[in-house]
C-alpha atoms as a PDB file:
ATOM      1  CA  MET A   1     -39.612 116.762 -48.695  1.00  0.00           C
ATOM      2  CA  HIS A   2     -41.945 119.700 -49.315  1.00  0.00           C
ATOM      3  CA  LEU A   3     -40.184 123.081 -49.405  1.00  0.00           C
ATOM      4  CA  ARG A   4     -42.097 126.218 -48.571  1.00  0.00           C
ATOM      5  CA  THR A   5     -42.454 128.853 -51.271  1.00  0.00           C
ATOM      6  CA  ASP A   6     -41.397 132.453 -50.666  1.00  0.00           C
ATOM      7  CA  TRP A   7     -45.046 133.434 -50.280  1.00  0.00           C
ATOM      8  CA  GLN A   8     -45.646 130.691 -47.724  1.00  0.00           C
ATOM      9  CA  SER A   9     -42.622 131.858 -45.730  1.00  0.00           C
ATOM     10  CA  THR A  10     -43.858 135.449 -45.879  1.00  0.00           C
ATOM     11  CA  PHE A  11     -47.318 134.359 -44.728  1.00  0.00           C
ATOM     12  CA  SER A  12     -45.884 132.272 -41.877  1.00  0.00           C
ATOM     13  CA  ASN A  13     -43.596 135.073 -40.690  1.00  0.00           C
ATOM     14  CA  ALA A  14     -46.431 137.602 -40.796  1.00  0.00           C
ATOM     15  CA  LEU A  15     -48.564 135.363 -38.604  1.00  0.00           C
ATOM     16  CA  LEU A  16     -46.082 135.457 -35.758  1.00  0.00           C
ATOM     17  CA  GLN A  17     -44.686 138.956 -36.200  1.00  0.00           C
ATOM     18  CA  PRO A  18     -47.255 141.621 -35.225  1.00  0.00           C
ATOM     19  CA  ASP A  19     -45.244 144.357 -36.964  1.00  0.00           C
ATOM     20  CA  GLU A  20     -45.325 142.585 -40.324  1.00  0.00           C
ATOM     21  CA  PRO A  21     -47.907 143.818 -42.867  1.00  0.00           C
ATOM     22  CA  VAL A  22     -50.691 141.638 -44.217  1.00  0.00           C
ATOM     23  CA  PRO A  23     -49.188 139.409 -46.943  1.00  0.00           C
ATOM     24  CA  LEU A  24     -49.848 140.530 -50.481  1.00  0.00           C
ATOM     25  CA  GLY A  25     -52.867 138.894 -52.081  1.00  0.00           C
ATOM     26  CA  LEU A  26     -54.996 138.681 -48.955  1.00  0.00           C
ATOM     27  CA  GLN A  27     -57.916 140.956 -49.699  1.00  0.00           C
ATOM     28  CA  ASP A  28     -61.465 141.494 -48.521  1.00  0.00           C
ATOM     29  CA  PRO A  29     -64.467 141.529 -50.914  1.00  0.00           C
ATOM     30  CA  HIS A  30     -63.675 145.193 -51.662  1.00  0.00           C
ATOM     31  CA  GLY A  31     -60.113 144.479 -52.740  1.00  0.00           C
ATOM     32  CA  GLU A  32     -58.580 145.957 -49.598  1.00  0.00           C
ATOM     33  CA  PRO A  33     -55.989 144.219 -47.356  1.00  0.00           C
ATOM     34  CA  THR A  34     -57.759 142.081 -44.746  1.00  0.00           C
ATOM     35  CA  VAL A  35     -56.070 143.720 -41.781  1.00  0.00           C
ATOM     36  CA  LYS A  36     -58.698 142.949 -39.138  1.00  0.00           C
ATOM     37  CA  ARG A  37     -59.400 139.430 -40.331  1.00  0.00           C
ATOM     38  CA  PHE A  38     -55.689 138.622 -40.495  1.00  0.00           C
ATOM     39  CA  ALA A  39     -55.198 140.048 -36.990  1.00  0.00           C
ATOM     40  CA  VAL A  40     -57.910 137.704 -35.674  1.00  0.00           C
ATOM     41  CA  TYR A  41     -56.298 134.753 -37.427  1.00  0.00           C
ATOM     42  CA  ARG A  42     -52.869 135.799 -36.092  1.00  0.00           C
ATOM     43  CA  ASN A  43     -54.202 135.940 -32.526  1.00  0.00           C
ATOM     44  CA  ASN A  44     -55.833 132.528 -32.917  1.00  0.00           C
ATOM     45  CA  VAL A  45     -52.563 130.991 -34.125  1.00  0.00           C
ATOM     46  CA  VAL A  46     -50.549 132.466 -31.253  1.00  0.00           C
ATOM     47  CA  ALA A  47     -53.226 131.431 -28.756  1.00  0.00           C
ATOM     48  CA  GLY A  48     -53.265 127.897 -30.170  1.00  0.00           C
ATOM     49  CA  LEU A  49     -49.502 127.503 -29.939  1.00  0.00           C
ATOM     50  CA  THR A  50     -49.498 128.963 -26.428  1.00  0.00           C
ATOM     51  CA  GLU A  51     -52.163 126.477 -25.378  1.00  0.00           C
ATOM     52  CA  ALA A  52     -50.131 123.635 -26.892  1.00  0.00           C
ATOM     53  CA  LEU A  53     -47.173 124.674 -24.726  1.00  0.00           C
ATOM     54  CA  LYS A  54     -49.397 124.895 -21.658  1.00  0.00           C
ATOM     55  CA  VAL A  55     -50.628 121.336 -22.277  1.00  0.00           C
ATOM     56  CA  GLY A  56     -47.082 120.072 -22.822  1.00  0.00           C
ATOM     57  CA  PHE A  57     -45.549 121.843 -19.814  1.00  0.00           C
ATOM     58  CA  PRO A  58     -48.209 121.853 -17.064  1.00  0.00           C
ATOM     59  CA  ALA A  59     -45.762 121.804 -14.135  1.00  0.00           C
ATOM     60  CA  VAL A  60     -43.834 124.761 -15.545  1.00  0.00           C
ATOM     61  CA  CYS A  61     -47.130 126.619 -15.902  1.00  0.00           C
ATOM     62  CA  ARG A  62     -48.116 125.779 -12.345  1.00  0.00           C
ATOM     63  CA  ILE A  63     -44.775 126.980 -10.976  1.00  0.00           C
ATOM     64  CA  VAL A  64     -44.790 130.381 -12.685  1.00  0.00           C
ATOM     65  CA  GLY A  65     -48.547 130.958 -12.903  1.00  0.00           C
ATOM     66  CA  GLU A  66     -50.742 131.194 -15.988  1.00  0.00           C
ATOM     67  CA  GLU A  67     -50.175 134.904 -16.624  1.00  0.00           C
ATOM     68  CA  PHE A  68     -46.366 134.646 -16.567  1.00  0.00           C
ATOM     69  CA  PHE A  69     -46.476 131.419 -18.576  1.00  0.00           C
ATOM     70  CA  ALA A  70     -48.678 132.990 -21.282  1.00  0.00           C
ATOM     71  CA  ALA A  71     -46.320 135.967 -21.609  1.00  0.00           C
ATOM     72  CA  MET A  72     -43.249 133.728 -21.740  1.00  0.00           C
ATOM     73  CA  ALA A  73     -44.885 131.376 -24.239  1.00  0.00           C
ATOM     74  CA  ARG A  74     -45.854 134.280 -26.501  1.00  0.00           C
ATOM     75  CA  VAL A  75     -42.222 135.420 -26.715  1.00  0.00           C
ATOM     76  CA  PHE A  76     -41.182 131.846 -27.531  1.00  0.00           C
ATOM     77  CA  VAL A  77     -43.903 131.439 -30.166  1.00  0.00           C
ATOM     78  CA  ILE A  78     -42.695 134.544 -31.983  1.00  0.00           C
ATOM     79  CA  GLN A  79     -39.090 133.306 -31.934  1.00  0.00           C
ATOM     80  CA  ASP A  80     -39.636 129.602 -32.626  1.00  0.00           C
ATOM     81  CA  GLN A  81     -42.061 128.737 -35.396  1.00  0.00           C
ATOM     82  CA  PRO A  82     -43.514 125.216 -35.687  1.00  0.00           C
ATOM     83  CA  ARG A  83     -41.571 122.851 -37.923  1.00  0.00           C
ATOM     84  CA  SER A  84     -44.335 120.278 -38.110  1.00  0.00           C
ATOM     85  CA  PRO A  85     -48.119 120.417 -38.576  1.00  0.00           C
ATOM     86  CA  VAL A  86     -48.411 118.141 -35.512  1.00  0.00           C
ATOM     87  CA  LEU A  87     -48.935 120.384 -32.479  1.00  0.00           C
ATOM     88  CA  LEU A  88     -47.760 117.649 -30.104  1.00  0.00           C
ATOM     89  CA  GLU A  89     -44.270 118.053 -31.557  1.00  0.00           C
ATOM     90  CA  TYR A  90     -44.144 121.776 -30.851  1.00  0.00           C
ATOM     91  CA  GLY A  91     -41.988 122.982 -27.975  1.00  0.00           C
ATOM     92  CA  GLU A  92     -38.831 120.965 -28.593  1.00  0.00           C
ATOM     93  CA  ASN A  93     -36.690 124.032 -27.835  1.00  0.00           C
ATOM     94  CA  PHE A  94     -38.841 125.460 -25.048  1.00  0.00           C
ATOM     95  CA  ALA A  95     -36.600 124.289 -22.198  1.00  0.00           C
ATOM     96  CA  THR A  96     -33.521 125.878 -23.778  1.00  0.00           C
ATOM     97  CA  PHE A  97     -35.501 129.075 -24.319  1.00  0.00           C
ATOM     98  CA  ILE A  98     -36.559 129.119 -20.654  1.00  0.00           C
ATOM     99  CA  GLY A  99     -32.936 128.770 -19.583  1.00  0.00           C
ATOM    100  CA  ASN A 100     -32.108 131.955 -21.505  1.00  0.00           C
ATOM    101  CA  PHE A 101     -35.300 133.879 -20.659  1.00  0.00           C
ATOM    102  CA  MET A 102     -34.166 136.703 -18.403  1.00  0.00           C
ATOM    103  CA  PRO A 103     -37.484 137.177 -16.513  1.00  0.00           C
ATOM    104  CA  ALA A 104     -37.180 133.529 -15.386  1.00  0.00           C
ATOM    105  CA  LYS A 105     -33.591 133.781 -14.156  1.00  0.00           C
ATOM    106  CA  SER A 106     -34.778 133.758 -10.540  1.00  0.00           C
ATOM    107  CA  LEU A 107     -35.981 130.179 -11.148  1.00  0.00           C
ATOM    108  CA  PRO A 108     -32.756 128.502 -12.348  1.00  0.00           C
ATOM    109  CA  TYR A 109     -34.276 125.018 -12.090  1.00  0.00           C
ATOM    110  CA  LEU A 110     -37.224 125.816 -14.380  1.00  0.00           C
ATOM    111  CA  ALA A 111     -35.504 124.779 -17.605  1.00  0.00           C
ATOM    112  CA  ASP A 112     -34.715 121.333 -16.172  1.00  0.00           C
ATOM    113  CA  VAL A 113     -38.322 120.892 -15.041  1.00  0.00           C
ATOM    114  CA  ALA A 114     -39.301 121.700 -18.632  1.00  0.00           C
ATOM    115  CA  ARG A 115     -36.817 119.078 -19.876  1.00  0.00           C
ATOM    116  CA  ILE A 116     -38.487 116.460 -17.698  1.00  0.00           C
ATOM    117  CA  GLU A 117     -41.892 117.379 -19.099  1.00  0.00           C
ATOM    118  CA  ARG A 118     -40.607 117.337 -22.664  1.00  0.00           C
ATOM    119  CA  GLY A 119     -38.964 113.997 -21.940  1.00  0.00           C
ATOM    120  CA  TRP A 120     -42.326 112.643 -20.758  1.00  0.00           C
ATOM    121  CA  LEU A 121     -44.033 113.799 -23.955  1.00  0.00           C
ATOM    122  CA  GLU A 122     -41.338 112.365 -26.221  1.00  0.00           C
ATOM    123  CA  ALA A 123     -41.277 109.087 -24.311  1.00  0.00           C
ATOM    124  CA  TYR A 124     -45.061 108.785 -24.523  1.00  0.00           C
ATOM    125  CA  HIS A 125     -44.981 109.095 -28.318  1.00  0.00           C
ATOM    126  CA  ALA A 126     -41.796 107.082 -28.900  1.00  0.00           C
ATOM    127  CA  PRO A 127     -41.879 103.864 -30.975  1.00  0.00           C
ATOM    128  CA  GLU A 128     -42.729 100.584 -29.261  1.00  0.00           C
ATOM    129  CA  SER A 129     -40.014  98.078 -28.412  1.00  0.00           C
ATOM    130  CA  ILE A 130     -40.048  94.962 -26.255  1.00  0.00           C
ATOM    131  CA  PRO A 131     -37.801  95.251 -23.169  1.00  0.00           C
ATOM    132  CA  LEU A 132     -35.322  92.523 -22.372  1.00  0.00           C
ATOM    133  CA  HIS A 133     -36.510  90.250 -19.600  1.00  0.00           C
ATOM    134  CA  ALA A 134     -34.459  90.528 -16.430  1.00  0.00           C
ATOM    135  CA  LEU A 135     -33.480  86.874 -16.851  1.00  0.00           C
ATOM    136  CA  ALA A 136     -31.688  87.810 -20.084  1.00  0.00           C
ATOM    137  CA  LEU A 137     -28.830  89.214 -18.028  1.00  0.00           C
ATOM    138  CA  ALA A 138     -28.355  85.870 -16.301  1.00  0.00           C
ATOM    139  CA  SER A 139     -28.176  84.127 -19.671  1.00  0.00           C
ATOM    140  CA  ILE A 140     -25.099  86.109 -20.732  1.00  0.00           C
ATOM    141  CA  PRO A 141     -21.914  84.155 -19.880  1.00  0.00           C
ATOM    142  CA  SER A 142     -19.855  86.061 -17.317  1.00  0.00           C
ATOM    143  CA  GLU A 143     -16.809  86.019 -19.573  1.00  0.00           C
ATOM    144  CA  GLU A 144     -18.823  87.862 -22.264  1.00  0.00           C
ATOM    145  CA  LEU A 145     -20.695  90.409 -20.147  1.00  0.00           C
ATOM    146  CA  TYR A 146     -18.060  93.142 -20.296  1.00  0.00           C
ATOM    147  CA  GLY A 147     -18.082  93.036 -24.091  1.00  0.00           C
ATOM    148  CA  VAL A 148     -21.859  93.436 -24.364  1.00  0.00           C
ATOM    149  CA  ARG A 149     -23.384  96.505 -26.010  1.00  0.00           C
ATOM    150  CA  PHE A 150     -26.951  96.968 -24.835  1.00  0.00           C
ATOM    151  CA  HIS A 151     -29.532  98.581 -27.108  1.00  0.00           C
ATOM    152  CA  ILE A 152     -31.596 101.287 -25.428  1.00  0.00           C
ATOM    153  CA  HIS A 153     -35.382 101.572 -25.662  1.00  0.00           C
ATOM    154  CA  PRO A 154     -36.312 104.437 -28.035  1.00  0.00           C
ATOM    155  CA  SER A 155     -38.370 106.123 -25.314  1.00  0.00           C
ATOM    156  CA  VAL A 156     -35.441 106.681 -22.943  1.00  0.00           C
ATOM    157  CA  ARG A 157     -34.580 110.258 -22.005  1.00  0.00           C
ATOM    158  CA  LEU A 158     -31.968 111.212 -19.392  1.00  0.00           C
ATOM    159  CA  ILE A 159     -32.019 114.634 -17.735  1.00  0.00           C
ATOM    160  CA  ARG A 160     -28.995 115.647 -15.647  1.00  0.00           C
ATOM    161  CA  SER A 161     -29.781 118.572 -13.348  1.00  0.00           C
ATOM    162  CA  SER A 162     -27.689 120.440 -10.787  1.00  0.00           C
ATOM    163  CA  PHE A 163     -30.963 121.164  -8.971  1.00  0.00           C
ATOM    164  CA  PRO A 164     -33.535 118.833  -7.348  1.00  0.00           C
ATOM    165  CA  ALA A 165     -35.575 119.094 -10.556  1.00  0.00           C
ATOM    166  CA  PHE A 166     -37.376 115.775 -10.107  1.00  0.00           C
ATOM    167  CA  THR A 167     -38.554 116.750  -6.624  1.00  0.00           C
ATOM    168  CA  ILE A 168     -39.739 120.140  -7.870  1.00  0.00           C
ATOM    169  CA  TRP A 169     -41.511 118.558 -10.851  1.00  0.00           C
ATOM    170  CA  SER A 170     -43.178 115.857  -8.749  1.00  0.00           C
ATOM    171  CA  THR A 171     -44.645 118.408  -6.328  1.00  0.00           C
ATOM    172  CA  ASN A 172     -46.113 120.450  -9.174  1.00  0.00           C
ATOM    173  CA  ILE A 173     -47.839 117.808 -11.270  1.00  0.00           C
ATOM    174  CA  ASP A 174     -51.587 117.356 -11.334  1.00  0.00           C
ATOM    175  CA  GLY A 175     -52.858 116.069  -7.991  1.00  0.00           C
ATOM    176  CA  ALA A 176     -49.701 116.970  -6.056  1.00  0.00           C
ATOM    177  CA  SER A 177     -49.340 119.659  -3.430  1.00  0.00           C
ATOM    178  CA  PRO A 178     -46.595 122.237  -4.028  1.00  0.00           C
ATOM    179  CA  MET A 179     -44.071 122.335  -1.212  1.00  0.00           C
ATOM    180  CA  ALA A 180     -40.859 124.129  -0.358  1.00  0.00           C
ATOM    181  CA  VAL A 181     -37.791 122.461  -1.862  1.00  0.00           C
ATOM    182  CA  ASP A 182     -34.239 123.094  -0.697  1.00  0.00           C
ATOM    183  CA  LEU A 183     -32.362 124.138  -3.838  1.00  0.00           C
ATOM    184  CA  GLU A 184     -29.088 123.450  -2.024  1.00  0.00           C
ATOM    185  CA  SER A 185     -29.985 119.798  -1.438  1.00  0.00           C
ATOM    186  CA  GLY A 186     -28.100 118.722  -4.547  1.00  0.00           C
ATOM    187  CA  GLY A 187     -28.820 117.818  -8.134  1.00  0.00           C
ATOM    188  CA  GLU A 188     -30.914 114.938  -9.428  1.00  0.00           C
ATOM    189  CA  ASN A 189     -30.582 112.685 -12.454  1.00  0.00           C
ATOM    190  CA  VAL A 190     -33.936 111.851 -14.022  1.00  0.00           C
ATOM    191  CA  LEU A 191     -34.576 108.767 -16.147  1.00  0.00           C
ATOM    192  CA  VAL A 192     -37.688 108.902 -18.332  1.00  0.00           C
ATOM    193  CA  SER A 193     -38.864 105.805 -20.200  1.00  0.00           C
ATOM    194  CA  ARG A 194     -41.941 103.968 -21.458  1.00  0.00           C
ATOM    195  CA  PRO A 195     -41.020 100.281 -21.511  1.00  0.00           C
ATOM    196  CA  THR A 196     -44.681  99.243 -21.664  1.00  0.00           C
ATOM    197  CA  ALA A 197     -47.901 101.279 -21.652  1.00  0.00           C
ATOM    198  CA  GLU A 198     -47.105 103.987 -19.117  1.00  0.00           C
ATOM    199  CA  VAL A 199     -44.320 106.561 -18.963  1.00  0.00           C
ATOM    200  CA  GLU A 200     -42.097 105.990 -15.936  1.00  0.00           C
ATOM    201  CA  ILE A 201     -39.991 108.729 -14.344  1.00  0.00           C
ATOM    202  CA  ARG A 202     -37.446 107.999 -11.635  1.00  0.00           C
ATOM    203  CA  THR A 203     -34.193 109.329 -10.224  1.00  0.00           C
ATOM    204  CA  VAL A 204     -30.917 107.485 -10.651  1.00  0.00           C
ATOM    205  CA  SER A 205     -27.503 107.936  -9.059  1.00  0.00           C
ATOM    206  CA  ASP A 206     -24.674 109.828 -10.750  1.00  0.00           C
ATOM    207  CA  GLY A 207     -22.910 106.591 -11.574  1.00  0.00           C
ATOM    208  CA  ALA A 208     -26.021 104.933 -13.002  1.00  0.00           C
ATOM    209  CA  ALA A 209     -26.816 108.036 -15.058  1.00  0.00           C
ATOM    210  CA  GLU A 210     -23.324 108.111 -16.516  1.00  0.00           C
ATOM    211  CA  PHE A 211     -23.470 104.372 -17.183  1.00  0.00           C
ATOM    212  CA  ILE A 212     -26.810 104.676 -19.023  1.00  0.00           C
ATOM    213  CA  ARG A 213     -25.575 107.686 -21.006  1.00  0.00           C
ATOM    214  CA  SER A 214     -22.453 105.809 -22.083  1.00  0.00           C
ATOM    215  CA  VAL A 215     -24.389 102.669 -23.018  1.00  0.00           C
ATOM    216  CA  ALA A 216     -26.818 104.787 -25.054  1.00  0.00           C
ATOM    217  CA  GLU A 217     -23.846 106.139 -27.009  1.00  0.00           C
ATOM    218  CA  GLY A 218     -22.992 102.592 -28.084  1.00  0.00           C
ATOM    219  CA  ASN A 219     -20.260 101.742 -25.606  1.00  0.00           C
ATOM    220  CA  THR A 220     -19.716  98.304 -24.109  1.00  0.00           C
ATOM    221  CA  VAL A 221     -20.556  97.453 -20.515  1.00  0.00           C
ATOM    222  CA  CYS A 222     -16.855  97.631 -19.701  1.00  0.00           C
ATOM    223  CA  GLU A 223     -16.408 101.062 -21.291  1.00  0.00           C
ATOM    224  CA  ALA A 224     -19.579 102.399 -19.686  1.00  0.00           C
ATOM    225  CA  ALA A 225     -18.548 101.081 -16.262  1.00  0.00           C
ATOM    226  CA  ARG A 226     -15.168 102.817 -16.464  1.00  0.00           C
ATOM    227  CA  THR A 227     -16.875 106.067 -17.426  1.00  0.00           C
ATOM    228  CA  ALA A 228     -19.329 105.732 -14.532  1.00  0.00           C
ATOM    229  CA  LEU A 229     -16.519 105.161 -12.043  1.00  0.00           C
ATOM    230  CA  THR A 230     -14.887 108.442 -13.023  1.00  0.00           C
ATOM    231  CA  SER A 231     -17.987 110.366 -11.894  1.00  0.00           C
ATOM    232  CA  ASP A 232     -18.996 108.149  -8.964  1.00  0.00           C
ATOM    233  CA  THR A 233     -16.353 106.182  -7.101  1.00  0.00           C
ATOM    234  CA  SER A 234     -19.087 104.229  -5.289  1.00  0.00           C
ATOM    235  CA  PHE A 235     -20.478 102.908  -8.591  1.00  0.00           C
ATOM    236  CA  ASN A 236     -21.215  99.185  -8.432  1.00  0.00           C
ATOM    237  CA  LEU A 237     -21.669  97.512 -11.798  1.00  0.00           C
ATOM    238  CA  SER A 238     -23.486  94.409 -10.591  1.00  0.00           C
ATOM    239  CA  SER A 239     -26.141  96.213  -8.576  1.00  0.00           C
ATOM    240  CA  THR A 240     -26.535  98.919 -11.221  1.00  0.00           C
ATOM    241  CA  LEU A 241     -27.078  96.368 -13.982  1.00  0.00           C
ATOM    242  CA  SER A 242     -29.704  94.593 -11.892  1.00  0.00           C
ATOM    243  CA  ARG A 243     -31.609  97.817 -11.191  1.00  0.00           C
ATOM    244  CA  VAL A 244     -31.359  99.039 -14.765  1.00  0.00           C
ATOM    245  CA  MET A 245     -32.643  95.718 -16.104  1.00  0.00           C
ATOM    246  CA  GLU A 246     -35.696  96.128 -13.876  1.00  0.00           C
ATOM    247  CA  THR A 247     -36.506  99.473 -15.520  1.00  0.00           C
ATOM    248  CA  GLY A 248     -36.932  97.777 -18.897  1.00  0.00           C
ATOM    249  CA  ILE A 249     -34.783 100.285 -20.804  1.00  0.00           C
ATOM    250  CA  PHE A 250     -32.688  97.588 -22.521  1.00  0.00           C
ATOM    251  CA  VAL A 251     -34.285  96.010 -25.593  1.00  0.00           C
ATOM    252  CA  GLY A 252     -31.459  93.924 -27.015  1.00  0.00           C
ATOM    253  CA  TYR A 253     -27.695  93.524 -27.164  1.00  0.00           C
ATOM    254  CA  ASP A 254     -24.744  92.379 -29.183  1.00  0.00           C
ATOM    255  CA  SER A 255     -21.257  91.505 -28.038  1.00  0.00           C
ATOM    256  CA  ASP A 256     -17.611  92.458 -28.622  1.00  0.00           C
ATOM    257  CA  ASP A 257     -14.502  90.485 -27.809  1.00  0.00           C
ATOM    258  CA  PRO A 258     -14.847  89.491 -24.112  1.00  0.00           C
ATOM    259  CA  ALA A 259     -11.076  89.818 -23.690  1.00  0.00           C
ATOM    260  CA  ILE A 260     -11.600  93.488 -22.748  1.00  0.00           C
ATOM    261  CA  MET A 261     -12.722  92.220 -19.326  1.00  0.00           C
ATOM    262  CA  ASN A 262      -9.260  92.870 -17.936  1.00  0.00           C
ATOM    263  CA  ASP A 263      -6.915  94.770 -20.227  1.00  0.00           C
ATOM    264  CA  LYS A 264      -4.018  97.168 -19.820  1.00  0.00           C
ATOM    265  CA  ARG A 265      -6.361 100.005 -18.869  1.00  0.00           C
ATOM    266  CA  GLY A 266      -7.449  98.225 -15.707  1.00  0.00           C
ATOM    267  CA  HIS A 267     -10.074  95.846 -14.449  1.00  0.00           C
ATOM    268  CA  CYS A 268     -13.665  96.502 -15.522  1.00  0.00           C
ATOM    269  CA  GLY A 269     -16.514  96.901 -13.081  1.00  0.00           C
ATOM    270  CA  ASP A 270     -16.502  96.577  -9.307  1.00  0.00           C
END
């Protein structure tokens, strides 16, 4: 791992902090500090990072407008320096920043819209993995199903929002027409994945979201089903498994002792 030198850290900080002086050693042909040239370079860096955020969060930009977005992005750029030379990776913390950005407090759903967009970007660049065929579920003996631990596709991202974030996002993407959305209509759970070539974004029920989250943490089908039932009493394991298999987010599985199907903690599933 390459560690930055003190001079490199000073140079990097000066780029994103307008009040910082020109780093020592940067001189013009006359031996004077290159104040103007460094200022131009500084502006180009900030503009480049701002543009990278605009490309990565187009719906957020459309919602707040380019002028507001540029001002918000500039504050973020100063606070959150890139950790990688790959611009596509920049903006990992942007959604959290938006949630704490006071001028955006009147748009409480904006951070979750940003999480959906970041999820899309991460899913798009996630490693490849072959989804399990839907018939794989039928091949698992019923007495073993509750002990199965499914492996999740590396592209999967799950966004839990107390606002209709998916609806807001979908009406502000390229080609869509913005429309009024009732913020009191309830929250939405958003599943982002790229099982094949294209990123897929869909909503899932509270129970399905909790089930997927639990499975992703390494729990068995039985354990995940119990967890889902605590948040959604209408959760149905059979129908949820069928729908989830169709999304292609499972890429493999292993199995525990099937005896957990019906233990002292209660019957698993439906």
